[in-house]
């Protein structure tokens, strides 16, 4: 097993999915609900996101091939998308957009937010989908697929745990702590996205190997 790939996959998915940044939104979306209702919503949202990301990890390259898109081209495009996500995190635009999506998806107190907006697009959003396709393409084969899926499951499991502990975590970190963590993760994601772009360009012979 390539330890470096495992670490890269975990950092990429953790930063893109951003479990810490979503916990306050989970609290807002489930405000006034019982503990049992919150557990059920957390379980459903994580299960749906897991299925969606698994489908893209398994069939993403086939969809790209059918559309005539090469993996290096998608790696460059995905890297640019992840870089824009990193900029949003560094300048707090991402949090504002997620809060807007959460508000639109919870206009009725009786609505179940587990599928929308929690599972899609907050957990399994465009950045997470692109990351799954990029990671499986970076380490092709059955082993790479299972490693990527295993890392994704671990990140989703962490999301589930933080959803359940979201009230305690929110009080412990405070707004300042959340902002600091978000910016650090944004810087890591920016560096990883640049690496994705460089790898894609190297496959075209435009840039040197990483």
C-alpha atoms as a PDB file:
ATOM      1  CA  UNK A   1       0.000   0.000   0.000  1.00  0.00           C
ATOM      2  CA  UNK A   2       1.300   3.445  -0.966  1.00  0.00           C
ATOM      3  CA  UNK A   3       1.273   5.395   2.304  1.00  0.00           C
ATOM      4  CA  UNK A   4       1.853   8.684   0.510  1.00  0.00           C
ATOM      5  CA  UNK A   5      -1.203   8.081  -1.692  1.00  0.00           C
ATOM      6  CA  UNK A   6      -3.320   7.217   1.350  1.00  0.00           C
ATOM      7  CA  UNK A   7      -2.274  10.446   3.065  1.00  0.00           C
ATOM      8  CA  UNK A   8      -2.905  12.488  -0.085  1.00  0.00           C
ATOM      9  CA  UNK A   9      -6.344  10.919  -0.545  1.00  0.00           C
ATOM     10  CA  UNK A  10      -7.308  11.490   3.084  1.00  0.00           C
ATOM     11  CA  UNK A  11      -6.156  15.113   3.168  1.00  0.00           C
ATOM     12  CA  UNK A  12      -7.852  15.852  -0.166  1.00  0.00           C
ATOM     13  CA  UNK A  13     -11.222  14.362   0.801  1.00  0.00           C
ATOM     14  CA  UNK A  14     -11.096  15.712   4.350  1.00  0.00           C
ATOM     15  CA  UNK A  15     -10.407  19.231   3.119  1.00  0.00           C
ATOM     16  CA  UNK A  16     -12.954  19.122   0.292  1.00  0.00           C
ATOM     17  CA  UNK A  17     -15.771  17.582   2.336  1.00  0.00           C
ATOM     18  CA  UNK A  18     -14.774  19.731   5.339  1.00  0.00           C
ATOM     19  CA  UNK A  19     -16.471  17.879   8.238  1.00  0.00           C
ATOM     20  CA  UNK A  20     -15.543  20.620  10.734  1.00  0.00           C
ATOM     21  CA  UNK A  21     -17.042  23.334   8.562  1.00  0.00           C
ATOM     22  CA  UNK A  22     -20.323  21.457   8.131  1.00  0.00           C
ATOM     23  CA  UNK A  23     -21.061  20.765  11.777  1.00  0.00           C
ATOM     24  CA  UNK A  24     -22.538  24.231  12.466  1.00  0.00           C
ATOM     25  CA  UNK A  25     -24.764  23.817   9.390  1.00  0.00           C
ATOM     26  CA  UNK A  26     -25.951  20.443  10.660  1.00  0.00           C
ATOM     27  CA  UNK A  27     -26.889  22.087  13.939  1.00  0.00           C
ATOM     28  CA  UNK A  28     -28.804  24.812  12.082  1.00  0.00           C
ATOM     29  CA  UNK A  29     -30.606  22.331   9.803  1.00  0.00           C
ATOM     30  CA  UNK A  30     -31.690  20.129  12.710  1.00  0.00           C
ATOM     31  CA  UNK A  31     -32.482  22.861  15.181  1.00  0.00           C
ATOM     32  CA  UNK A  32     -35.322  21.917  17.519  1.00  0.00           C
ATOM     33  CA  UNK A  33     -35.234  18.216  16.565  1.00  0.00           C
ATOM     34  CA  UNK A  34     -34.861  15.369  19.020  1.00  0.00           C
ATOM     35  CA  UNK A  35     -31.570  13.527  19.456  1.00  0.00           C
ATOM     36  CA  UNK A  36     -33.046  10.460  17.732  1.00  0.00           C
ATOM     37  CA  UNK A  37     -34.179  12.514  14.737  1.00  0.00           C
ATOM     38  CA  UNK A  38     -30.719  14.073  14.465  1.00  0.00           C
ATOM     39  CA  UNK A  39     -29.090  10.622  14.510  1.00  0.00           C
ATOM     40  CA  UNK A  40     -31.401   9.378  11.755  1.00  0.00           C
ATOM     41  CA  UNK A  41     -30.741  12.441   9.584  1.00  0.00           C
ATOM     42  CA  UNK A  42     -26.971  12.130  10.120  1.00  0.00           C
ATOM     43  CA  UNK A  43     -27.076   8.436   9.178  1.00  0.00           C
ATOM     44  CA  UNK A  44     -29.190   8.966   6.041  1.00  0.00           C
ATOM     45  CA  UNK A  45     -27.168  11.913   4.783  1.00  0.00           C
ATOM     46  CA  UNK A  46     -23.859  10.088   5.205  1.00  0.00           C
ATOM     47  CA  UNK A  47     -25.226   6.898   3.607  1.00  0.00           C
ATOM     48  CA  UNK A  48     -26.523   8.761   0.537  1.00  0.00           C
ATOM     49  CA  UNK A  49     -23.241  10.665   0.144  1.00  0.00           C
ATOM     50  CA  UNK A  50     -21.285   7.405   0.442  1.00  0.00           C
ATOM     51  CA  UNK A  51     -23.328   5.785  -2.344  1.00  0.00           C
ATOM     52  CA  UNK A  52     -22.978   8.808  -4.645  1.00  0.00           C
ATOM     53  CA  UNK A  53     -19.205   9.081  -4.185  1.00  0.00           C
ATOM     54  CA  UNK A  54     -18.770   5.321  -4.617  1.00  0.00           C
ATOM     55  CA  UNK A  55     -20.630   5.385  -7.936  1.00  0.00           C
ATOM     56  CA  UNK A  56     -18.396   8.166  -9.247  1.00  0.00           C
ATOM     57  CA  UNK A  57     -15.249   6.389  -8.019  1.00  0.00           C
ATOM     58  CA  UNK A  58     -16.234   3.177  -9.839  1.00  0.00           C
ATOM     59  CA  UNK A  59     -17.813   4.555 -13.009  1.00  0.00           C
ATOM     60  CA  UNK A  60     -16.350   8.064 -13.227  1.00  0.00           C
ATOM     61  CA  UNK A  61     -13.576   7.144 -15.657  1.00  0.00           C
ATOM     62  CA  UNK A  62     -16.074   5.319 -17.905  1.00  0.00           C
ATOM     63  CA  UNK A  63     -18.278   8.400 -17.993  1.00  0.00           C
ATOM     64  CA  UNK A  64     -15.244  10.492 -18.943  1.00  0.00           C
ATOM     65  CA  UNK A  65     -14.255   8.035 -21.656  1.00  0.00           C
ATOM     66  CA  UNK A  66     -17.764   8.061 -23.101  1.00  0.00           C
ATOM     67  CA  UNK A  67     -17.647  11.862 -23.206  1.00  0.00           C
ATOM     68  CA  UNK A  68     -14.210  11.819 -24.865  1.00  0.00           C
ATOM     69  CA  UNK A  69     -12.425  13.430 -21.906  1.00  0.00           C
ATOM     70  CA  UNK A  70      -8.945  12.160 -21.025  1.00  0.00           C
ATOM     71  CA  UNK A  71      -7.891  11.678 -17.417  1.00  0.00           C
ATOM     72  CA  UNK A  72      -5.052  14.246 -17.672  1.00  0.00           C
ATOM     73  CA  UNK A  73      -7.544  16.839 -18.938  1.00  0.00           C
ATOM     74  CA  UNK A  74      -9.933  16.035 -16.112  1.00  0.00           C
ATOM     75  CA  UNK A  75      -7.039  16.164 -13.639  1.00  0.00           C
ATOM     76  CA  UNK A  76      -6.210  19.719 -14.757  1.00  0.00           C
ATOM     77  CA  UNK A  77      -9.868  20.777 -14.667  1.00  0.00           C
ATOM     78  CA  UNK A  78     -10.404  19.106 -11.303  1.00  0.00           C
ATOM     79  CA  UNK A  79      -7.303  20.771  -9.897  1.00  0.00           C
ATOM     80  CA  UNK A  80      -8.601  24.169 -10.989  1.00  0.00           C
ATOM     81  CA  UNK A  81     -11.979  23.403  -9.405  1.00  0.00           C
ATOM     82  CA  UNK A  82     -10.323  22.383  -6.142  1.00  0.00           C
ATOM     83  CA  UNK A  83      -8.192  25.543  -6.217  1.00  0.00           C
ATOM     84  CA  UNK A  84     -11.342  27.666  -6.523  1.00  0.00           C
ATOM     85  CA  UNK A  85     -12.776  25.748  -3.560  1.00  0.00           C
ATOM     86  CA  UNK A  86      -9.604  26.545  -1.611  1.00  0.00           C
ATOM     87  CA  UNK A  87      -9.987  30.246  -2.424  1.00  0.00           C
ATOM     88  CA  UNK A  88     -13.585  30.119  -1.194  1.00  0.00           C
ATOM     89  CA  UNK A  89     -12.397  28.590   2.082  1.00  0.00           C
ATOM     90  CA  UNK A  90      -9.615  31.143   2.542  1.00  0.00           C
ATOM     91  CA  UNK A  91     -11.956  34.082   1.941  1.00  0.00           C
ATOM     92  CA  UNK A  92     -15.048  32.565   3.676  1.00  0.00           C
ATOM     93  CA  UNK A  93     -17.129  32.516   0.488  1.00  0.00           C
ATOM     94  CA  UNK A  94     -17.613  28.756   0.808  1.00  0.00           C
ATOM     95  CA  UNK A  95     -19.192  28.990   4.262  1.00  0.00           C
ATOM     96  CA  UNK A  96     -21.571  31.709   3.111  1.00  0.00           C
ATOM     97  CA  UNK A  97     -22.625  29.675   0.061  1.00  0.00           C
ATOM     98  CA  UNK A  98     -23.187  26.549   2.141  1.00  0.00           C
ATOM     99  CA  UNK A  99     -25.291  28.527   4.608  1.00  0.00           C
ATOM    100  CA  UNK A 100     -27.374  29.858   1.698  1.00  0.00           C
ATOM    101  CA  UNK A 101     -27.847  26.309   0.365  1.00  0.00           C
ATOM    102  CA  UNK A 102     -28.819  25.132   3.826  1.00  0.00           C
ATOM    103  CA  UNK A 103     -31.382  27.918   4.176  1.00  0.00           C
ATOM    104  CA  UNK A 104     -32.928  27.137   0.797  1.00  0.00           C
ATOM    105  CA  UNK A 105     -33.083  23.436   1.599  1.00  0.00           C
ATOM    106  CA  UNK A 106     -34.792  23.903   4.955  1.00  0.00           C
ATOM    107  CA  UNK A 107     -37.580  26.340   4.281  1.00  0.00           C
ATOM    108  CA  UNK A 108     -40.131  24.007   5.897  1.00  0.00           C
ATOM    109  CA  UNK A 109     -39.455  22.762   9.449  1.00  0.00           C
ATOM    110  CA  UNK A 110     -41.021  19.415   8.515  1.00  0.00           C
ATOM    111  CA  UNK A 111     -38.618  18.837   5.598  1.00  0.00           C
ATOM    112  CA  UNK A 112     -35.972  16.136   5.897  1.00  0.00           C
ATOM    113  CA  UNK A 113     -32.597  17.752   5.044  1.00  0.00           C
ATOM    114  CA  UNK A 114     -30.700  14.449   4.937  1.00  0.00           C
ATOM    115  CA  UNK A 115     -30.636  14.092   1.123  1.00  0.00           C
ATOM    116  CA  UNK A 116     -30.771  17.770   0.212  1.00  0.00           C
ATOM    117  CA  UNK A 117     -28.867  19.811   1.152  1.00  0.00           C
ATOM    118  CA  UNK A 118     -26.797  17.656   3.558  1.00  0.00           C
ATOM    119  CA  UNK A 119     -25.875  14.661   1.367  1.00  0.00           C
ATOM    120  CA  UNK A 120     -25.997  16.625  -1.893  1.00  0.00           C
ATOM    121  CA  UNK A 121     -24.380  19.094  -2.352  1.00  0.00           C
ATOM    122  CA  UNK A 122     -22.855  19.687   1.094  1.00  0.00           C
ATOM    123  CA  UNK A 123     -21.095  16.310   1.546  1.00  0.00           C
ATOM    124  CA  UNK A 124     -21.030  14.837  -1.977  1.00  0.00           C
ATOM    125  CA  UNK A 125     -20.576  18.116  -3.800  1.00  0.00           C
ATOM    126  CA  UNK A 126     -18.776  18.810  -7.098  1.00  0.00           C
ATOM    127  CA  UNK A 127     -15.410  19.064  -5.369  1.00  0.00           C
ATOM    128  CA  UNK A 128     -15.789  15.694  -3.619  1.00  0.00           C
ATOM    129  CA  UNK A 129     -17.002  14.017  -6.822  1.00  0.00           C
ATOM    130  CA  UNK A 130     -14.088  15.454  -8.801  1.00  0.00           C
ATOM    131  CA  UNK A 131     -11.683  14.357  -6.062  1.00  0.00           C
ATOM    132  CA  UNK A 132     -12.938  10.753  -6.177  1.00  0.00           C
ATOM    133  CA  UNK A 133     -12.445  10.578  -9.948  1.00  0.00           C
ATOM    134  CA  UNK A 134      -9.030  12.226  -9.722  1.00  0.00           C
ATOM    135  CA  UNK A 135      -7.801   9.946  -6.932  1.00  0.00           C
ATOM    136  CA  UNK A 136      -8.923   6.725  -8.635  1.00  0.00           C
ATOM    137  CA  UNK A 137      -7.253   7.937 -11.835  1.00  0.00           C
ATOM    138  CA  UNK A 138      -4.055   8.816  -9.996  1.00  0.00           C
ATOM    139  CA  UNK A 139      -3.750   5.269  -8.599  1.00  0.00           C
ATOM    140  CA  UNK A 140      -5.525   3.026 -11.156  1.00  0.00           C
ATOM    141  CA  UNK A 141      -6.390  -0.593 -10.530  1.00  0.00           C
ATOM    142  CA  UNK A 142      -8.381  -2.529  -7.967  1.00  0.00           C
ATOM    143  CA  UNK A 143      -5.986  -1.708  -5.140  1.00  0.00           C
ATOM    144  CA  UNK A 144      -6.158   2.028  -5.822  1.00  0.00           C
ATOM    145  CA  UNK A 145      -9.946   1.872  -6.049  1.00  0.00           C
ATOM    146  CA  UNK A 146     -10.326   0.067  -2.724  1.00  0.00           C
ATOM    147  CA  UNK A 147      -7.820   2.341  -1.009  1.00  0.00           C
ATOM    148  CA  UNK A 148      -9.671   5.415  -2.263  1.00  0.00           C
ATOM    149  CA  UNK A 149     -13.025   3.962  -1.214  1.00  0.00           C
ATOM    150  CA  UNK A 150     -11.611   3.050   2.199  1.00  0.00           C
ATOM    151  CA  UNK A 151     -10.313   6.572   2.735  1.00  0.00           C
ATOM    152  CA  UNK A 152     -13.634   8.027   1.591  1.00  0.00           C
ATOM    153  CA  UNK A 153     -15.553   5.777   4.011  1.00  0.00           C
ATOM    154  CA  UNK A 154     -13.279   6.882   6.861  1.00  0.00           C
ATOM    155  CA  UNK A 155     -13.906  10.560   6.066  1.00  0.00           C
ATOM    156  CA  UNK A 156     -17.676   9.990   5.816  1.00  0.00           C
ATOM    157  CA  UNK A 157     -17.547   8.119   9.135  1.00  0.00           C
ATOM    158  CA  UNK A 158     -15.778  11.108  10.649  1.00  0.00           C
ATOM    159  CA  UNK A 159     -18.519  13.354   9.258  1.00  0.00           C
ATOM    160  CA  UNK A 160     -21.112  11.134  10.941  1.00  0.00           C
ATOM    161  CA  UNK A 161     -19.304  11.244  14.301  1.00  0.00           C
ATOM    162  CA  UNK A 162     -18.921  15.034  14.124  1.00  0.00           C
ATOM    163  CA  UNK A 163     -22.582  15.413  13.181  1.00  0.00           C
ATOM    164  CA  UNK A 164     -23.539  13.555  16.341  1.00  0.00           C
ATOM    165  CA  UNK A 165     -21.086  15.601  18.423  1.00  0.00           C
ATOM    166  CA  UNK A 166     -21.746  18.868  16.594  1.00  0.00           C
ATOM    167  CA  UNK A 167     -23.293  20.778  19.526  1.00  0.00           C
ATOM    168  CA  UNK A 168     -20.331  19.999  21.806  1.00  0.00           C
ATOM    169  CA  UNK A 169     -17.761  20.683  19.073  1.00  0.00           C
ATOM    170  CA  UNK A 170     -19.336  23.996  18.165  1.00  0.00           C
ATOM    171  CA  UNK A 171     -19.222  25.204  21.756  1.00  0.00           C
ATOM    172  CA  UNK A 172     -15.645  23.985  22.253  1.00  0.00           C
ATOM    173  CA  UNK A 173     -14.108  25.543  19.121  1.00  0.00           C
ATOM    174  CA  UNK A 174     -16.094  28.732  18.912  1.00  0.00           C
ATOM    175  CA  UNK A 175     -16.319  30.904  15.818  1.00  0.00           C
ATOM    176  CA  UNK A 176     -12.645  31.918  15.949  1.00  0.00           C
ATOM    177  CA  UNK A 177     -11.393  28.336  16.147  1.00  0.00           C
ATOM    178  CA  UNK A 178     -13.607  27.294  13.255  1.00  0.00           C
ATOM    179  CA  UNK A 179     -12.304  30.165  11.099  1.00  0.00           C
ATOM    180  CA  UNK A 180      -8.660  29.292  11.843  1.00  0.00           C
ATOM    181  CA  UNK A 181      -9.136  25.593  10.993  1.00  0.00           C
ATOM    182  CA  UNK A 182     -11.005  26.465   7.789  1.00  0.00           C
ATOM    183  CA  UNK A 183      -8.179  28.706   6.561  1.00  0.00           C
ATOM    184  CA  UNK A 184      -5.482  26.127   7.337  1.00  0.00           C
ATOM    185  CA  UNK A 185      -7.413  23.483   5.427  1.00  0.00           C
ATOM    186  CA  UNK A 186      -7.875  25.933   2.564  1.00  0.00           C
ATOM    187  CA  UNK A 187      -4.116  26.423   2.256  1.00  0.00           C
ATOM    188  CA  UNK A 188      -3.549  22.649   2.191  1.00  0.00           C
ATOM    189  CA  UNK A 189      -6.212  22.204  -0.483  1.00  0.00           C
ATOM    190  CA  UNK A 190      -4.662  24.975  -2.611  1.00  0.00           C
ATOM    191  CA  UNK A 191      -1.302  23.191  -2.577  1.00  0.00           C
ATOM    192  CA  UNK A 192      -2.886  19.827  -3.413  1.00  0.00           C
ATOM    193  CA  UNK A 193      -4.905  21.332  -6.272  1.00  0.00           C
ATOM    194  CA  UNK A 194      -1.753  22.816  -7.799  1.00  0.00           C
ATOM    195  CA  UNK A 195      -0.162  19.354  -7.619  1.00  0.00           C
ATOM    196  CA  UNK A 196      -3.151  17.876  -9.484  1.00  0.00           C
ATOM    197  CA  UNK A 197      -2.754  20.493 -12.245  1.00  0.00           C
ATOM    198  CA  UNK A 198       1.000  19.865 -12.511  1.00  0.00           C
ATOM    199  CA  UNK A 199       0.424  16.099 -12.759  1.00  0.00           C
ATOM    200  CA  UNK A 200      -2.102  16.646 -15.551  1.00  0.00           C
ATOM    201  CA  UNK A 201       0.235  18.966 -17.448  1.00  0.00           C
ATOM    202  CA  UNK A 202       3.097  16.508 -17.015  1.00  0.00           C
ATOM    203  CA  UNK A 203       0.972  13.818 -18.695  1.00  0.00           C
ATOM    204  CA  UNK A 204       0.643  16.149 -21.693  1.00  0.00           C
ATOM    205  CA  UNK A 205       4.394  16.831 -21.657  1.00  0.00           C
ATOM    206  CA  UNK A 206       3.836  20.516 -20.793  1.00  0.00           C
ATOM    207  CA  UNK A 207       5.391  20.446 -17.331  1.00  0.00           C
ATOM    208  CA  UNK A 208       8.031  18.347 -15.673  1.00  0.00           C
ATOM    209  CA  UNK A 209       7.066  15.408 -13.440  1.00  0.00           C
ATOM    210  CA  UNK A 210       6.248  16.078  -9.783  1.00  0.00           C
END
